[in-house]
């Protein structure tokens, strides 16, 4: 085993030496060896990025074809064709037309997100109309792949601040939220959590998004207030408040400058947190009006909100005299909703 490891290390050393010699021999005059090597590395990385992009485009092309095939196989009748946002059919057999002409090479994340959203809307409409799609297993796989692709594209566009419109993002969130009711087992909660955290982080820190965009982006997370995803929005919102509270403590105890932009944006998170807590209270009120309702869910809600109250209490330590507005916002938020639920 040790001999094999030694041989492997020798091969790596020989390979590096061979590459170095090849670089030296091919180096043009007037260019330093370091600059030439860095230029080669940059070209290699750029080529790798291009192939990665082509691979992702090919994957999305296959996904579009699967989406079209699945809906086409179940829409060989004209009564529903014009109702679906993704495809409509002419009178001729197997003639597919999208609401906007579907292209294989879609430019920009916005169009790709919209196409995914339209397909998922069509799937949900068929579910609502109780139309069973043939080849259920392949349909479920396509829906799951489309959902993952949408989550990836939205998370990437927000992280890289590509400027995808808020209405397109919000529409995608709405459809994803509806899917949570029909995909109990395969619903990707981990990816949803990553998306929610990315939205909050970028909206709080970004210098590219305008103020209105930051507010709308944060509040768009209210679309995820379903039984499956509501806890993610609640936990992530409180975590954002905790993180900024830690920043305020650092400002109070050292010469660290206050992040004024984040201080402004954190109040949009408070608005989101209020919406989430109102949703919990509304659900609790609805449950209490049911005759045969078990109070376990109410107790569970109270336990969750008590934990939130404890986390918010810790946020105000050492900063109540320095940032009274921030502290008052936390106290009002905590007391209003907990007292109304008791």
Foldseek 3Di string as FASTA:
>chain_A
DVVVVVVVVVVVVVVVVVVLVVLVVPPDPPDDSVRSVVVVVVVVVVVVVVVVVVVVLVVLLVLLVLLLVQVLQQPQDQPCQVVAQQWHDDPDRPRTAHPDRDDSRDPDLQVLLQNLLSSLRRVVVCVVVVRDTPPNVSVVVSNLVSLVVNLVSLLVCLLVVVPRDLVSVLSSLLSLLVVCVVPVPSNPQVSVLSSLLSLLVCLLPPPPDDPVRSLSSNLSCLSNLDPVHLVSLLVSLLVLLLVLLVVLLCVVVDVDDRPVSNVVSNVSSLVNNLSSLVSLLVVLVVQVPDDPHDCPSLVVSLVVLVVSLVSLVVSPPPCCVPCVVSNVSSVCSSCVSNVSSD
